[in-house]
Amino acid sequence: MAKKAEKAPAEEVALDGEAPKKSKKKMVIMLVLLLVLLGALGGGGYFGYKWWMGRKAAPAADANATEQKTDAHGAAAEGGHGDKNDAGAGAAAADSGVIVSIPPLLVNLADPQGRRYLKIALDIEMRDKLAGDELNKNMPKVKDALLLLLSSKTYDDLATLENKILLKKEIVERLTLVLGEQKVQRVYITEIVIQ
């Protein structure tokens, strides 16, 4: 009986000695898996953030390029600093009409989820002072026409440079319907935020 009592504590010690070895292996494996998982999540989050933010930043950069280098019809703007036609710059300035600012407009876009909106501010170049006065007099009609046009657009309709130029043409057409022929010369997008 004494032998049985002696063996029992020895077996317990051996079992206790094996248990820490298995626990350490499991702990090391768990830590390695946790680190790999965290690394994958961090890397995926980083690339997702870059992709998403890069996608939003590109339309804003395109809008600035559009405003500076094209007119309302999408043609290259002439008469800027450093152009070879510096003599034509004075003539273009003399031809310019009256510029009327439209206050910023905020509309929901026609995206399927309905979560995006557009904030846009415009300057409208009118033929002369009389045409500018007529635009101011008809401002409620002008805003209505612009809000209807802009709220019919989706994010994809406004995301590219070409689509922003097309939007400027559409705005000229809508304002021509409201104000009559040959009064609107150009549309300038002075602020645009798509979110």
C-alpha atoms as a PDB file:
ATOM      1  CA  MET A   1       0.000   0.000   0.000  1.00  0.00           C
ATOM      2  CA  ALA A   2       2.861   2.220   0.699  1.00  0.00           C
ATOM      3  CA  LYS A   3       4.074   1.688  -2.858  1.00  0.00           C
ATOM      4  CA  LYS A   4       0.742   2.795  -4.263  1.00  0.00           C
ATOM      5  CA  ALA A   5       0.836   5.923  -2.168  1.00  0.00           C
ATOM      6  CA  GLU A   6       4.336   6.691  -3.376  1.00  0.00           C
ATOM      7  CA  LYS A   7       3.427   6.255  -7.049  1.00  0.00           C
ATOM      8  CA  ALA A   8       0.423   8.465  -6.892  1.00  0.00           C
ATOM      9  CA  PRO A   9       2.335  11.648  -5.974  1.00  0.00           C
ATOM     10  CA  ALA A  10       4.983  10.899  -8.618  1.00  0.00           C
ATOM     11  CA  GLU A  11       2.311  10.577 -11.314  1.00  0.00           C
ATOM     12  CA  GLU A  12       0.735  13.821 -10.203  1.00  0.00           C
ATOM     13  CA  VAL A  13       4.082  15.578 -10.464  1.00  0.00           C
ATOM     14  CA  ALA A  14       4.631  14.174 -13.945  1.00  0.00           C
ATOM     15  CA  LEU A  15       1.169  15.266 -15.004  1.00  0.00           C
ATOM     16  CA  ASP A  16       1.712  18.693 -13.527  1.00  0.00           C
ATOM     17  CA  GLY A  17       5.040  18.908 -15.353  1.00  0.00           C
ATOM     18  CA  GLU A  18       3.409  18.085 -18.717  1.00  0.00           C
ATOM     19  CA  ALA A  19       0.558  20.525 -18.311  1.00  0.00           C
ATOM     20  CA  PRO A  20       2.748  23.651 -18.307  1.00  0.00           C
ATOM     21  CA  LYS A  21       4.533  22.462 -21.476  1.00  0.00           C
ATOM     22  CA  LYS A  22       1.232  22.103 -23.340  1.00  0.00           C
ATOM     23  CA  SER A  23      -0.049  25.440 -22.009  1.00  0.00           C
ATOM     24  CA  LYS A  24       3.096  27.257 -23.132  1.00  0.00           C
ATOM     25  CA  LYS A  25       2.829  25.805 -26.643  1.00  0.00           C
ATOM     26  CA  LYS A  26      -0.825  26.761 -26.877  1.00  0.00           C
ATOM     27  CA  MET A  27      -0.079  30.242 -25.579  1.00  0.00           C
ATOM     28  CA  VAL A  28       2.712  30.779 -28.122  1.00  0.00           C
ATOM     29  CA  ILE A  29       0.499  29.547 -30.962  1.00  0.00           C
ATOM     30  CA  MET A  30      -2.353  31.804 -29.819  1.00  0.00           C
ATOM     31  CA  LEU A  31      -0.042  34.824 -29.637  1.00  0.00           C
ATOM     32  CA  VAL A  32       1.344  34.159 -33.117  1.00  0.00           C
ATOM     33  CA  LEU A  33      -2.165  33.782 -34.541  1.00  0.00           C
ATOM     34  CA  LEU A  34      -3.288  36.950 -32.782  1.00  0.00           C
ATOM     35  CA  LEU A  35      -0.339  38.913 -34.185  1.00  0.00           C
ATOM     36  CA  VAL A  36      -0.991  37.603 -37.710  1.00  0.00           C
ATOM     37  CA  LEU A  37      -4.670  38.505 -37.410  1.00  0.00           C
ATOM     38  CA  LEU A  38      -3.911  42.001 -36.125  1.00  0.00           C
ATOM     39  CA  GLY A  39      -1.375  42.519 -38.914  1.00  0.00           C
ATOM     40  CA  ALA A  40      -3.895  41.431 -41.542  1.00  0.00           C
ATOM     41  CA  LEU A  41      -6.589  43.700 -40.115  1.00  0.00           C
ATOM     42  CA  GLY A  42      -4.205  46.628 -39.879  1.00  0.00           C
ATOM     43  CA  GLY A  43      -2.945  46.153 -43.427  1.00  0.00           C
ATOM     44  CA  GLY A  44      -6.450  45.717 -44.792  1.00  0.00           C
ATOM     45  CA  GLY A  45      -7.637  48.776 -42.919  1.00  0.00           C
ATOM     46  CA  TYR A  46      -4.746  50.848 -44.243  1.00  0.00           C
ATOM     47  CA  PHE A  47      -5.327  49.860 -47.864  1.00  0.00           C
ATOM     48  CA  GLY A  48      -9.089  50.280 -47.511  1.00  0.00           C
ATOM     49  CA  TYR A  49      -8.600  53.753 -46.066  1.00  0.00           C
ATOM     50  CA  LYS A  50      -6.187  54.744 -48.855  1.00  0.00           C
ATOM     51  CA  TRP A  51      -8.523  53.403 -51.525  1.00  0.00           C
ATOM     52  CA  TRP A  52     -11.609  55.091 -50.086  1.00  0.00           C
ATOM     53  CA  MET A  53      -9.941  58.448 -49.380  1.00  0.00           C
ATOM     54  CA  GLY A  54      -8.113  58.420 -52.710  1.00  0.00           C
ATOM     55  CA  ARG A  55     -11.427  57.912 -54.447  1.00  0.00           C
ATOM     56  CA  LYS A  56     -12.959  60.922 -52.684  1.00  0.00           C
ATOM     57  CA  ALA A  57      -9.945  63.190 -53.154  1.00  0.00           C
ATOM     58  CA  ALA A  58      -9.701  62.628 -56.919  1.00  0.00           C
ATOM     59  CA  PRO A  59     -13.018  64.353 -57.818  1.00  0.00           C
ATOM     60  CA  ALA A  60     -12.043  67.423 -55.784  1.00  0.00           C
ATOM     61  CA  ALA A  61      -8.700  67.669 -57.588  1.00  0.00           C
ATOM     62  CA  ASP A  62     -10.450  67.198 -60.946  1.00  0.00           C
ATOM     63  CA  ALA A  63     -12.888  69.979 -60.111  1.00  0.00           C
ATOM     64  CA  ASN A  64     -10.095  72.448 -59.417  1.00  0.00           C
ATOM     65  CA  ALA A  65      -8.396  71.570 -62.697  1.00  0.00           C
ATOM     66  CA  THR A  66     -11.696  72.011 -64.543  1.00  0.00           C
ATOM     67  CA  GLU A  67     -12.346  75.415 -63.075  1.00  0.00           C
ATOM     68  CA  GLN A  68      -8.913  76.724 -63.948  1.00  0.00           C
ATOM     69  CA  LYS A  69      -8.338  75.296 -67.412  1.00  0.00           C
ATOM     70  CA  THR A  70     -11.713  75.118 -69.182  1.00  0.00           C
ATOM     71  CA  ASP A  71     -14.568  77.401 -70.019  1.00  0.00           C
ATOM     72  CA  ALA A  72     -18.286  76.570 -69.772  1.00  0.00           C
ATOM     73  CA  HIS A  73     -18.212  74.606 -73.016  1.00  0.00           C
ATOM     74  CA  GLY A  74     -15.309  72.396 -72.014  1.00  0.00           C
ATOM     75  CA  ALA A  75     -12.838  74.058 -74.358  1.00  0.00           C
ATOM     76  CA  ALA A  76      -9.401  75.008 -73.129  1.00  0.00           C
ATOM     77  CA  ALA A  77      -9.405  78.431 -71.533  1.00  0.00           C
ATOM     78  CA  GLU A  78      -7.197  80.963 -73.266  1.00  0.00           C
ATOM     79  CA  GLY A  79      -5.490  84.125 -72.157  1.00  0.00           C
ATOM     80  CA  GLY A  80      -4.017  82.842 -68.900  1.00  0.00           C
ATOM     81  CA  HIS A  81      -0.661  83.751 -67.398  1.00  0.00           C
ATOM     82  CA  GLY A  82       2.243  82.519 -69.473  1.00  0.00           C
ATOM     83  CA  ASP A  83       0.168  81.787 -72.581  1.00  0.00           C
ATOM     84  CA  LYS A  84       1.662  82.576 -75.952  1.00  0.00           C
ATOM     85  CA  ASN A  85      -1.415  84.681 -76.742  1.00  0.00           C
ATOM     86  CA  ASP A  86      -0.891  87.364 -74.124  1.00  0.00           C
ATOM     87  CA  ALA A  87      -2.234  89.944 -76.556  1.00  0.00           C
ATOM     88  CA  GLY A  88      -5.552  88.078 -76.619  1.00  0.00           C
ATOM     89  CA  ALA A  89      -5.844  88.163 -72.844  1.00  0.00           C
ATOM     90  CA  GLY A  90      -6.821  91.830 -72.791  1.00  0.00           C
ATOM     91  CA  ALA A  91      -9.426  91.273 -75.479  1.00  0.00           C
ATOM     92  CA  ALA A  92     -10.916  88.357 -73.539  1.00  0.00           C
ATOM     93  CA  ALA A  93     -11.150  90.514 -70.415  1.00  0.00           C
ATOM     94  CA  ALA A  94     -12.926  93.242 -72.373  1.00  0.00           C
ATOM     95  CA  ASP A  95     -15.404  90.644 -73.711  1.00  0.00           C
ATOM     96  CA  SER A  96     -16.252  89.270 -70.287  1.00  0.00           C
ATOM     97  CA  GLY A  97     -19.641  90.145 -68.962  1.00  0.00           C
ATOM     98  CA  VAL A  98     -21.073  90.566 -65.512  1.00  0.00           C
ATOM     99  CA  ILE A  99     -20.513  87.758 -63.012  1.00  0.00           C
ATOM    100  CA  VAL A 100     -23.367  86.884 -60.681  1.00  0.00           C
ATOM    101  CA  SER A 101     -22.735  84.571 -57.721  1.00  0.00           C
ATOM    102  CA  ILE A 102     -25.249  81.886 -56.888  1.00  0.00           C
ATOM    103  CA  PRO A 103     -25.250  81.073 -53.156  1.00  0.00           C
ATOM    104  CA  PRO A 104     -24.107  77.533 -52.284  1.00  0.00           C
ATOM    105  CA  LEU A 105     -26.718  74.888 -53.029  1.00  0.00           C
ATOM    106  CA  LEU A 106     -27.012  71.686 -50.993  1.00  0.00           C
ATOM    107  CA  VAL A 107     -28.872  68.723 -52.516  1.00  0.00           C
ATOM    108  CA  ASN A 108     -29.213  64.993 -51.943  1.00  0.00           C
ATOM    109  CA  LEU A 109     -27.891  63.032 -54.884  1.00  0.00           C
ATOM    110  CA  ALA A 110     -30.051  60.449 -56.642  1.00  0.00           C
ATOM    111  CA  ASP A 111     -27.907  57.534 -55.480  1.00  0.00           C
ATOM    112  CA  PRO A 112     -29.768  54.311 -54.632  1.00  0.00           C
ATOM    113  CA  GLN A 113     -28.967  54.471 -50.923  1.00  0.00           C
ATOM    114  CA  GLY A 114     -29.684  58.203 -50.738  1.00  0.00           C
ATOM    115  CA  ARG A 115     -26.745  58.885 -48.417  1.00  0.00           C
ATOM    116  CA  ARG A 116     -24.663  61.196 -50.599  1.00  0.00           C
ATOM    117  CA  TYR A 117     -25.086  64.893 -51.010  1.00  0.00           C
ATOM    118  CA  LEU A 118     -23.655  67.658 -53.141  1.00  0.00           C
ATOM    119  CA  LYS A 119     -22.736  71.157 -52.074  1.00  0.00           C
ATOM    120  CA  ILE A 120     -21.961  73.464 -54.976  1.00  0.00           C
ATOM    121  CA  ALA A 121     -21.445  77.205 -55.403  1.00  0.00           C
ATOM    122  CA  LEU A 122     -21.534  78.783 -58.845  1.00  0.00           C
ATOM    123  CA  ASP A 123     -20.589  82.039 -60.503  1.00  0.00           C
ATOM    124  CA  ILE A 124     -22.524  82.770 -63.675  1.00  0.00           C
ATOM    125  CA  GLU A 125     -20.997  85.057 -66.286  1.00  0.00           C
ATOM    126  CA  MET A 126     -23.780  86.980 -67.988  1.00  0.00           C
ATOM    127  CA  ARG A 127     -23.623  88.858 -71.304  1.00  0.00           C
ATOM    128  CA  ASP A 128     -24.065  92.321 -69.783  1.00  0.00           C
ATOM    129  CA  LYS A 129     -25.382  94.178 -66.754  1.00  0.00           C
ATOM    130  CA  LEU A 130     -28.982  93.952 -67.970  1.00  0.00           C
ATOM    131  CA  ALA A 131     -28.717  90.159 -68.231  1.00  0.00           C
ATOM    132  CA  GLY A 132     -27.124  90.061 -64.753  1.00  0.00           C
ATOM    133  CA  ASP A 133     -30.017  92.080 -63.355  1.00  0.00           C
ATOM    134  CA  GLU A 134     -32.476  89.701 -64.986  1.00  0.00           C
ATOM    135  CA  LEU A 135     -30.705  86.731 -63.385  1.00  0.00           C
ATOM    136  CA  ASN A 136     -30.955  88.380 -59.955  1.00  0.00           C
ATOM    137  CA  LYS A 137     -34.620  89.192 -60.542  1.00  0.00           C
ATOM    138  CA  ASN A 138     -35.366  85.563 -61.466  1.00  0.00           C
ATOM    139  CA  MET A 139     -33.204  84.004 -58.735  1.00  0.00           C
ATOM    140  CA  PRO A 140     -36.029  81.773 -57.339  1.00  0.00           C
ATOM    141  CA  LYS A 141     -36.588  80.289 -60.820  1.00  0.00           C
ATOM    142  CA  VAL A 142     -32.843  79.899 -61.330  1.00  0.00           C
ATOM    143  CA  LYS A 143     -32.386  78.110 -57.993  1.00  0.00           C
ATOM    144  CA  ASP A 144     -35.362  75.853 -58.726  1.00  0.00           C
ATOM    145  CA  ALA A 145     -33.949  74.857 -62.116  1.00  0.00           C
ATOM    146  CA  LEU A 146     -30.508  74.222 -60.618  1.00  0.00           C
ATOM    147  CA  LEU A 147     -31.841  72.209 -57.670  1.00  0.00           C
ATOM    148  CA  LEU A 148     -33.906  69.990 -59.971  1.00  0.00           C
ATOM    149  CA  LEU A 149     -30.940  69.407 -62.264  1.00  0.00           C
ATOM    150  CA  LEU A 150     -28.450  68.720 -59.472  1.00  0.00           C
ATOM    151  CA  SER A 151     -30.729  66.442 -57.448  1.00  0.00           C
ATOM    152  CA  SER A 152     -31.199  64.211 -60.512  1.00  0.00           C
ATOM    153  CA  LYS A 153     -27.457  63.431 -60.581  1.00  0.00           C
ATOM    154  CA  THR A 154     -25.698  60.472 -58.980  1.00  0.00           C
ATOM    155  CA  TYR A 155     -22.179  60.308 -57.577  1.00  0.00           C
ATOM    156  CA  ASP A 156     -20.989  58.625 -60.771  1.00  0.00           C
ATOM    157  CA  ASP A 157     -22.536  61.443 -62.839  1.00  0.00           C
ATOM    158  CA  LEU A 158     -20.267  63.937 -61.054  1.00  0.00           C
ATOM    159  CA  ALA A 159     -17.136  61.932 -60.238  1.00  0.00           C
ATOM    160  CA  THR A 160     -15.015  62.510 -63.345  1.00  0.00           C
ATOM    161  CA  LEU A 161     -13.599  65.617 -64.958  1.00  0.00           C
ATOM    162  CA  GLU A 162     -15.566  65.025 -68.153  1.00  0.00           C
ATOM    163  CA  ASN A 163     -18.806  64.755 -66.197  1.00  0.00           C
ATOM    164  CA  LYS A 164     -18.148  68.033 -64.377  1.00  0.00           C
ATOM    165  CA  ILE A 165     -17.605  69.754 -67.727  1.00  0.00           C
ATOM    166  CA  LEU A 166     -20.840  68.187 -68.980  1.00  0.00           C
ATOM    167  CA  LEU A 167     -22.601  69.467 -65.844  1.00  0.00           C
ATOM    168  CA  LYS A 168     -21.441  73.005 -66.619  1.00  0.00           C
ATOM    169  CA  LYS A 169     -22.928  72.690 -70.131  1.00  0.00           C
ATOM    170  CA  GLU A 170     -26.203  71.399 -68.692  1.00  0.00           C
ATOM    171  CA  ILE A 171     -26.346  74.334 -66.271  1.00  0.00           C
ATOM    172  CA  VAL A 172     -25.887  76.778 -69.168  1.00  0.00           C
ATOM    173  CA  GLU A 173     -28.741  75.031 -71.020  1.00  0.00           C
ATOM    174  CA  ARG A 174     -31.060  75.156 -67.985  1.00  0.00           C
ATOM    175  CA  LEU A 175     -30.328  78.824 -67.326  1.00  0.00           C
ATOM    176  CA  THR A 176     -30.918  79.598 -71.003  1.00  0.00           C
ATOM    177  CA  LEU A 177     -34.365  78.000 -70.690  1.00  0.00           C
ATOM    178  CA  VAL A 178     -35.162  80.202 -67.687  1.00  0.00           C
ATOM    179  CA  LEU A 179     -33.625  83.485 -68.881  1.00  0.00           C
ATOM    180  CA  GLY A 180     -33.779  83.301 -72.658  1.00  0.00           C
ATOM    181  CA  GLU A 181     -31.219  83.019 -75.446  1.00  0.00           C
ATOM    182  CA  GLN A 182     -27.659  84.366 -75.435  1.00  0.00           C
ATOM    183  CA  LYS A 183     -27.643  85.781 -71.911  1.00  0.00           C
ATOM    184  CA  VAL A 184     -25.482  83.192 -70.124  1.00  0.00           C
ATOM    185  CA  GLN A 185     -21.875  83.130 -71.341  1.00  0.00           C
ATOM    186  CA  ARG A 186     -20.101  80.812 -68.883  1.00  0.00           C
ATOM    187  CA  VAL A 187     -20.572  78.906 -65.637  1.00  0.00           C
ATOM    188  CA  TYR A 188     -17.786  78.701 -63.072  1.00  0.00           C
ATOM    189  CA  ILE A 189     -17.859  76.111 -60.296  1.00  0.00           C
ATOM    190  CA  THR A 190     -16.359  77.967 -57.333  1.00  0.00           C
ATOM    191  CA  GLU A 191     -16.991  75.265 -54.726  1.00  0.00           C
ATOM    192  CA  ILE A 192     -17.949  71.626 -54.990  1.00  0.00           C
ATOM    193  CA  VAL A 193     -18.169  68.995 -52.267  1.00  0.00           C
ATOM    194  CA  ILE A 194     -19.537  65.518 -52.884  1.00  0.00           C
ATOM    195  CA  GLN A 195     -19.959  63.427 -49.783  1.00  0.00           C
END
